[in-house]
Amino acid sequence: MTSTHGQLGVVFVHGFNAGPDTWNKFVELIESDPDLSFVAPLPFKYATSLVSLHPLRRLPTIDTIADSLRTFLETKASDFQALALVSHSQGGLVIQRYLARMLGKGLGKDLSRIRRIVMFACPNTGSDLALALRKLLPSNPQELELRPFTESINDAQSIVINQIVNAQALSGSTCPIPIAVYVGEEDKIVPPASARAVFKDAGALPGDHSSIVRPDSHQHRSYAALKHALEEAKAPPTETLQTLTAEMLEVHTSALPSRSPDSIEALTPYLARGHDAALRQVLTPALDNGPSVLAVLTGESSTGKTRALYEALRDLAPTRPLLRPATAEDLLDLIEGRQIRSGTVV
């Protein structure tokens, strides 16, 4: 089996009445770009068409496709520690529904490996192109949700904006993930207002609804935009003491009769001891732009070593970037990738 260590899995989600070949141009350019050698393209396919003519088959709803995407991420993409999701048109609605359904089940922490989301020409408020003609077609659950201002689409988008885009910390119901949306300059299928919606990181790219995702060179602006997002996604997410819970840092929390999935932390009041002052004396000069220091806390199990460091950093460096390599190999990757910069806590 090929190792995925250090690789970024990029899941491509196509749109309505389309397929994985939507992404052929992007994939070809990525595979020929030495700067993106860390990227592993992962096309996601689902059933979609104008009508279903098979008597024993039906077209899946957006909810069903979202659940299928979850299965894909938990199986085909399970070995990747870092992911980016990239969509075209209806694919953006699928991604948003997936995020909303995960958060609704209290599984926000399971989304933490998603580093970036990029949506090209997503009909966030629907599309009214040929709407009268579309209404004459046999009932299509996907087309129904592409109509302007569909309630289920609005509800999912509201969750994504409030609990993903504007999230401040990772919990069962929140997960901060940067999302970029792009409008096609000549797109008559999804107008700019629909593609932008209320997303803060919104831009415009050359092309119509189809050509926006068919870049013809490494210099094409659509490719440049995606490349920038993937390079950003490769870097570890910026974490601080303010974005992490004590439990995530393996600080022993209080034993309570019941814990809500969304509870941030349950710590007993902290009583400072002699070693706390000594620890702060070691850390303070380094945090005041002095030389770097390596502080090692020793002691018996469950005597408060992690809690002491947690409390010291919460007081002295609550907003400093915090890196948490899980293995020696992860630490080496951070060093070789020049990710440990001045002012960073490891």
Protein backbone atom coordinates (compact mmCIF):
# COMPACT_ATOMS: atom_id res chain seq x y z
CA MET A 1 0.00 0.00 0.00
CA THR A 2 1.28 3.46 -0.91
CA SER A 3 2.09 5.65 2.11
CA THR A 4 0.00 8.81 2.49
CA HIS A 5 2.29 10.37 5.11
CA GLY A 6 2.82 14.04 4.33
CA GLN A 7 0.32 13.96 1.48
CA LEU A 8 -2.74 16.14 1.09
CA GLY A 9 -5.77 14.23 -0.14
CA VAL A 10 -7.79 16.49 -2.45
CA VAL A 11 -11.36 15.30 -2.87
CA PHE A 12 -12.98 16.64 -6.06
CA VAL A 13 -16.81 16.76 -6.06
CA HIS A 14 -18.48 17.32 -9.43
CA GLY A 15 -21.78 19.04 -10.14
CA PHE A 16 -25.26 18.31 -11.50
CA ASN A 17 -25.48 16.10 -14.62
CA ALA A 18 -21.69 15.75 -14.67
CA GLY A 19 -18.99 13.34 -13.52
CA PRO A 20 -15.38 13.03 -12.34
CA ASP A 21 -14.08 13.95 -15.82
CA THR A 22 -15.04 17.53 -14.86
CA TRP A 23 -11.69 17.63 -13.09
CA ASN A 24 -9.45 16.11 -15.79
CA LYS A 25 -7.73 19.41 -16.63
CA PHE A 26 -7.02 20.20 -12.97
CA VAL A 27 -5.73 16.70 -12.28
CA GLU A 28 -3.43 16.74 -15.34
CA LEU A 29 -1.96 20.08 -14.31
CA ILE A 30 -1.52 19.01 -10.68
CA GLU A 31 0.26 15.81 -11.68
CA SER A 32 2.69 17.77 -13.90
CA ASP A 33 3.39 20.46 -11.28
CA PRO A 34 6.43 19.64 -9.11
CA ASP A 35 5.27 22.22 -6.56
CA LEU A 36 2.21 20.06 -5.84
CA SER A 37 3.94 16.70 -5.57
CA PHE A 38 2.36 16.37 -2.11
CA VAL A 39 -1.18 16.37 -3.58
CA ALA A 40 -3.14 13.14 -4.11
CA PRO A 41 -6.28 13.77 -6.26
CA LEU A 42 -9.34 11.80 -5.08
CA PRO A 43 -12.32 12.20 -7.47
CA PHE A 44 -15.68 11.48 -5.82
CA LYS A 45 -18.46 10.21 -8.09
CA TYR A 46 -22.21 10.11 -7.48
CA ALA A 47 -25.30 9.48 -9.59
CA THR A 48 -26.74 12.54 -11.30
CA SER A 49 -28.64 13.24 -14.54
CA LEU A 50 -31.54 15.26 -15.89
CA VAL A 51 -33.91 12.28 -15.69
CA SER A 52 -33.73 8.67 -14.52
CA LEU A 53 -35.00 6.25 -17.15
CA HIS A 54 -34.13 3.03 -15.34
CA PRO A 55 -37.30 1.52 -13.82
CA LEU A 56 -35.43 0.12 -10.82
CA ARG A 57 -33.25 3.13 -10.03
CA ARG A 58 -33.82 6.58 -8.63
CA LEU A 59 -31.67 9.66 -8.43
CA PRO A 60 -30.24 10.27 -4.94
CA THR A 61 -31.15 13.35 -2.92
CA ILE A 62 -28.50 15.84 -1.76
CA ASP A 63 -28.78 14.30 1.72
CA THR A 64 -28.01 10.85 0.34
CA ILE A 65 -25.07 12.14 -1.71
CA ALA A 66 -23.75 13.93 1.39
CA ASP A 67 -23.88 10.65 3.31
CA SER A 68 -22.12 8.94 0.40
CA LEU A 69 -19.38 11.58 0.58
CA ARG A 70 -18.98 10.85 4.28
CA THR A 71 -18.52 7.14 3.50
CA PHE A 72 -15.98 8.01 0.80
CA LEU A 73 -13.97 10.15 3.22
CA GLU A 74 -14.07 7.46 5.89
CA THR A 75 -12.95 4.70 3.50
CA LYS A 76 -11.15 5.86 0.37
CA ALA A 77 -9.62 8.87 2.15
CA SER A 78 -9.24 7.33 5.59
CA ASP A 79 -5.41 7.20 5.50
CA PHE A 80 -4.97 10.92 4.86
CA GLN A 81 -4.28 13.09 7.90
CA ALA A 82 -4.99 16.23 5.86
CA LEU A 83 -7.71 16.82 3.27
CA ALA A 84 -8.98 19.57 1.00
CA LEU A 85 -12.44 19.50 -0.57
CA VAL A 86 -12.92 21.06 -4.01
CA SER A 87 -16.31 21.36 -5.71
CA HIS A 88 -17.99 22.57 -8.87
CA SER A 89 -21.59 23.78 -9.02
CA GLN A 90 -23.94 21.40 -7.14
CA GLY A 91 -20.89 19.70 -5.61
CA GLY A 92 -20.60 22.70 -3.27
CA LEU A 93 -24.10 22.06 -1.99
CA VAL A 94 -23.14 18.43 -1.37
CA ILE A 95 -20.12 19.49 0.68
CA GLN A 96 -22.13 21.99 2.70
CA ARG A 97 -24.82 19.40 3.41
CA TYR A 98 -22.15 16.92 4.52
CA LEU A 99 -20.67 19.49 6.92
CA ALA A 100 -24.10 20.42 8.31
CA ARG A 101 -25.11 16.79 8.85
CA MET A 102 -21.83 16.00 10.62
CA LEU A 103 -22.20 18.99 12.93
CA GLY A 104 -25.85 18.10 13.58
CA LYS A 105 -24.66 14.72 14.87
CA GLY A 106 -22.05 16.26 17.17
CA LEU A 107 -19.17 15.06 14.95
CA GLY A 108 -17.43 18.39 14.46
CA LYS A 109 -14.11 17.01 15.71
CA ASP A 110 -14.17 14.43 12.89
CA LEU A 111 -13.95 17.33 10.41
CA SER A 112 -10.64 18.63 11.78
CA ARG A 113 -8.48 17.01 9.09
CA ILE A 114 -10.22 19.11 6.41
CA ARG A 115 -7.77 21.99 5.95
CA ARG A 116 -9.44 23.91 3.09
CA ILE A 117 -12.62 23.98 1.01
CA VAL A 118 -12.76 25.58 -2.45
CA MET A 119 -16.09 25.94 -4.28
CA PHE A 120 -16.26 26.93 -7.95
CA ALA A 121 -19.57 28.37 -9.22
CA CYS A 122 -21.69 26.95 -6.40
CA PRO A 123 -25.41 27.88 -6.61
CA ASN A 124 -25.62 28.89 -2.95
CA THR A 125 -28.97 30.61 -3.48
CA GLY A 126 -30.04 28.49 -6.44
CA SER A 127 -30.24 29.07 -10.19
CA ASP A 128 -33.27 30.30 -12.12
CA LEU A 129 -31.86 29.51 -15.58
CA ALA A 130 -34.60 27.81 -17.67
CA LEU A 131 -36.60 27.35 -14.48
CA ALA A 132 -39.94 27.17 -16.31
CA LEU A 133 -38.60 24.43 -18.59
CA ARG A 134 -37.01 22.56 -15.68
CA LYS A 135 -40.38 22.42 -13.93
CA LEU A 136 -41.76 20.43 -16.87
CA LEU A 137 -39.23 17.64 -16.39
CA PRO A 138 -40.06 14.54 -14.33
CA SER A 139 -39.43 15.12 -10.64
CA ASN A 140 -35.71 15.22 -9.91
CA PRO A 141 -34.72 15.60 -6.23
CA GLN A 142 -31.43 17.27 -7.16
CA GLU A 143 -33.02 19.78 -9.54
CA LEU A 144 -35.59 20.68 -6.88
CA GLU A 145 -32.81 21.81 -4.55
CA LEU A 146 -31.18 23.86 -7.31
CA ARG A 147 -34.20 26.15 -7.44
CA PRO A 148 -33.77 29.62 -5.92
CA PHE A 149 -33.84 29.97 -2.13
CA THR A 150 -34.57 26.35 -1.26
CA GLU A 151 -35.10 26.02 2.49
CA SER A 152 -32.86 22.97 2.97
CA ILE A 153 -30.01 24.69 1.12
CA ASN A 154 -30.43 27.87 3.18
CA ASP A 155 -30.49 25.88 6.43
CA ALA A 156 -27.29 24.00 5.60
CA GLN A 157 -25.55 27.19 4.51
CA SER A 158 -26.53 28.94 7.75
CA ILE A 159 -24.94 26.12 9.75
CA VAL A 160 -21.78 26.24 7.66
CA ILE A 161 -21.42 30.02 8.03
CA ASN A 162 -22.05 30.04 11.79
CA GLN A 163 -20.34 26.80 12.81
CA ILE A 164 -17.56 26.43 10.22
CA VAL A 165 -16.62 29.81 8.70
CA ASN A 166 -17.12 31.79 11.91
CA ALA A 167 -16.13 29.02 14.33
CA GLN A 168 -13.51 29.95 16.92
CA ALA A 169 -12.76 26.52 18.39
CA LEU A 170 -13.09 22.83 17.64
CA SER A 171 -15.96 21.03 19.37
CA GLY A 172 -18.74 18.61 18.61
CA SER A 173 -20.77 21.32 16.93
CA THR A 174 -18.06 23.62 15.53
CA CYS A 175 -14.95 23.24 13.36
CA PRO A 176 -13.03 26.18 11.87
CA ILE A 177 -12.30 25.52 8.17
CA PRO A 178 -11.33 28.22 5.63
CA ILE A 179 -13.77 28.23 2.68
CA ALA A 180 -13.11 30.09 -0.58
CA VAL A 181 -15.81 30.55 -3.24
CA TYR A 182 -15.30 31.65 -6.83
CA VAL A 183 -17.62 33.20 -9.41
CA GLY A 184 -17.25 32.66 -13.17
CA GLU A 185 -16.96 36.06 -14.84
CA GLU A 186 -19.18 34.92 -17.73
CA ASP A 187 -21.38 32.43 -15.88
CA LYS A 188 -25.08 32.75 -16.77
CA ILE A 189 -26.08 29.54 -14.98
CA VAL A 190 -24.99 30.57 -11.49
CA PRO A 191 -25.01 34.38 -11.14
CA PRO A 192 -22.37 36.11 -9.00
CA ALA A 193 -24.78 36.85 -6.14
CA SER A 194 -25.60 33.15 -5.84
CA ALA A 195 -21.99 31.95 -6.04
CA ARG A 196 -20.81 34.52 -3.49
CA ALA A 197 -23.82 34.34 -1.15
CA VAL A 198 -22.61 35.40 2.30
CA PHE A 199 -19.16 33.81 2.20
CA LYS A 200 -16.42 36.24 3.20
CA ASP A 201 -13.64 34.79 1.04
CA ALA A 202 -15.16 35.26 -2.44
CA GLY A 203 -13.46 36.00 -5.75
CA ALA A 204 -14.03 35.96 -9.52
CA LEU A 205 -12.25 33.92 -12.19
CA PRO A 206 -12.28 33.91 -16.01
CA GLY A 207 -14.78 31.71 -17.80
CA ASP A 208 -18.37 30.54 -17.81
CA HIS A 209 -20.00 27.83 -15.71
CA SER A 210 -17.99 25.04 -17.36
CA SER A 211 -14.72 26.64 -18.37
CA ILE A 212 -14.02 27.98 -14.88
CA VAL A 213 -12.96 24.42 -13.94
CA ARG A 214 -11.11 23.67 -17.18
CA PRO A 215 -7.79 25.55 -16.88
CA ASP A 216 -5.52 25.18 -19.90
CA SER A 217 -2.17 25.94 -18.25
CA HIS A 218 -0.37 26.34 -14.96
CA GLN A 219 -0.77 30.09 -15.43
CA HIS A 220 -4.56 29.98 -15.70
CA ARG A 221 -6.12 31.92 -12.85
CA SER A 222 -8.41 29.06 -11.81
CA TYR A 223 -5.39 26.79 -11.46
CA ALA A 224 -3.41 29.47 -9.65
CA ALA A 225 -6.28 29.99 -7.19
CA LEU A 226 -6.57 26.28 -6.44
CA LYS A 227 -2.80 25.83 -6.20
CA HIS A 228 -2.57 28.63 -3.65
CA ALA A 229 -5.34 27.03 -1.58
CA LEU A 230 -3.66 23.62 -1.66
CA GLU A 231 -0.29 25.05 -0.66
CA GLU A 232 -2.01 26.80 2.25
CA ALA A 233 -3.73 23.54 3.17
CA LYS A 234 -0.43 21.68 3.32
CA ALA A 235 0.73 23.78 6.26
CA PRO A 236 -0.51 22.67 9.67
CA PRO A 237 -3.54 24.67 10.80
CA THR A 238 -2.72 27.56 13.11
CA GLU A 239 -3.71 26.42 16.57
CA THR A 240 -3.40 28.32 19.82
CA LEU A 241 -4.37 27.75 23.43
CA GLN A 242 -7.53 29.70 22.61
CA THR A 243 -8.60 27.35 19.80
CA LEU A 244 -7.85 24.09 21.63
CA THR A 245 -9.56 22.54 24.61
CA ALA A 246 -7.67 21.21 27.60
CA GLU A 247 -8.90 17.72 26.77
CA MET A 248 -7.45 17.95 23.25
CA LEU A 249 -4.08 18.71 24.84
CA GLU A 250 -4.45 15.62 27.05
CA VAL A 251 -4.88 17.59 30.23
CA HIS A 252 -6.77 15.42 32.70
CA THR A 253 -10.29 16.79 33.06
CA SER A 254 -12.67 16.39 35.97
CA ALA A 255 -14.71 13.22 36.27
CA LEU A 256 -18.32 14.39 35.98
CA PRO A 257 -21.54 12.33 36.03
CA SER A 258 -22.35 13.40 32.48
CA ARG A 259 -20.53 15.32 29.79
CA SER A 260 -22.10 17.06 26.84
CA PRO A 261 -20.41 16.40 23.46
CA ASP A 262 -20.04 20.17 23.16
CA SER A 263 -18.52 20.83 26.58
CA ILE A 264 -15.26 22.70 26.11
CA GLU A 265 -13.51 21.58 29.27
CA ALA A 266 -14.19 20.61 32.87
CA LEU A 267 -11.11 21.42 34.94
CA THR A 268 -10.77 21.71 38.67
CA PRO A 269 -9.54 25.10 39.96
CA TYR A 270 -5.76 25.26 39.63
CA LEU A 271 -3.62 25.68 42.72
CA ALA A 272 -0.14 26.93 41.81
CA ARG A 273 2.84 25.18 43.37
CA GLY A 274 6.54 25.96 43.58
CA HIS A 275 7.40 24.45 40.23
CA ASP A 276 4.87 26.73 38.49
CA ALA A 277 6.92 29.82 39.31
CA ALA A 278 10.11 28.05 38.16
CA LEU A 279 8.45 27.06 34.88
CA ARG A 280 7.32 30.59 34.21
CA GLN A 281 10.84 31.89 34.88
CA VAL A 282 12.15 29.56 32.17
CA LEU A 283 9.44 30.39 29.61
CA THR A 284 9.12 34.16 30.07
CA PRO A 285 12.47 35.22 28.50
CA ALA A 286 11.84 33.09 25.39
CA LEU A 287 8.34 34.50 25.03
CA ASP A 288 9.78 38.02 25.34
CA ASN A 289 11.79 37.49 22.11
CA GLY A 290 14.76 35.93 23.88
CA PRO A 291 16.57 32.73 22.83
CA SER A 292 14.50 29.58 22.34
CA VAL A 293 14.34 27.18 25.27
CA LEU A 294 13.62 23.48 25.68
CA ALA A 295 11.67 22.98 28.90
CA VAL A 296 11.28 19.40 30.14
CA LEU A 297 8.89 18.66 33.00
CA THR A 298 9.55 15.45 34.90
CA GLY A 299 7.59 13.69 37.60
CA GLU A 300 5.42 10.70 38.41
CA SER A 301 2.30 9.91 36.39
CA SER A 302 -0.76 12.09 37.06
CA THR A 303 1.10 14.61 39.20
CA GLY A 304 0.10 17.59 37.02
CA LYS A 305 2.95 18.02 34.51
CA THR A 306 0.71 18.66 31.48
CA ARG A 307 -1.67 20.80 33.53
CA ALA A 308 1.22 22.94 34.79
CA LEU A 309 2.45 23.62 31.25
CA TYR A 310 -1.10 24.23 30.05
CA GLU A 311 -1.72 26.82 32.77
CA ALA A 312 1.62 28.52 32.14
CA LEU A 313 1.01 28.84 28.40
CA ARG A 314 -2.59 29.92 28.93
CA ASP A 315 -1.28 32.80 31.05
CA LEU A 316 1.87 33.67 29.07
CA ALA A 317 1.18 32.70 25.44
CA PRO A 318 -2.55 32.19 24.81
CA THR A 319 -2.36 33.46 21.20
CA ARG A 320 1.02 32.05 20.15
CA PRO A 321 0.98 29.46 17.31
CA LEU A 322 1.02 25.98 18.84
CA LEU A 323 2.33 22.93 16.99
CA ARG A 324 1.60 19.39 18.24
CA PRO A 325 3.68 16.79 16.35
CA ALA A 326 2.45 13.33 17.29
CA THR A 327 5.64 11.48 16.29
CA ALA A 328 9.33 12.11 15.74
CA GLU A 329 8.66 11.90 12.00
CA ASP A 330 6.02 14.63 12.30
CA LEU A 331 8.49 16.84 14.18
CA LEU A 332 11.13 16.26 11.48
CA ASP A 333 8.59 17.26 8.81
CA LEU A 334 7.90 20.51 10.68
CA ILE A 335 11.62 21.28 10.91
CA GLU A 336 12.39 20.44 7.29
CA GLY A 337 9.31 22.36 6.13
CA ARG A 338 10.45 25.42 8.13
CA GLN A 339 7.13 25.47 9.98
CA ILE A 340 8.70 26.18 13.39
CA ARG A 341 9.00 29.95 13.23
CA SER A 342 9.95 32.54 15.82
CA GLY A 343 7.35 32.74 18.58
CA THR A 344 5.97 29.24 17.99
CA VAL A 345 5.29 26.86 20.87
CA VAL A 346 5.92 23.17 20.16
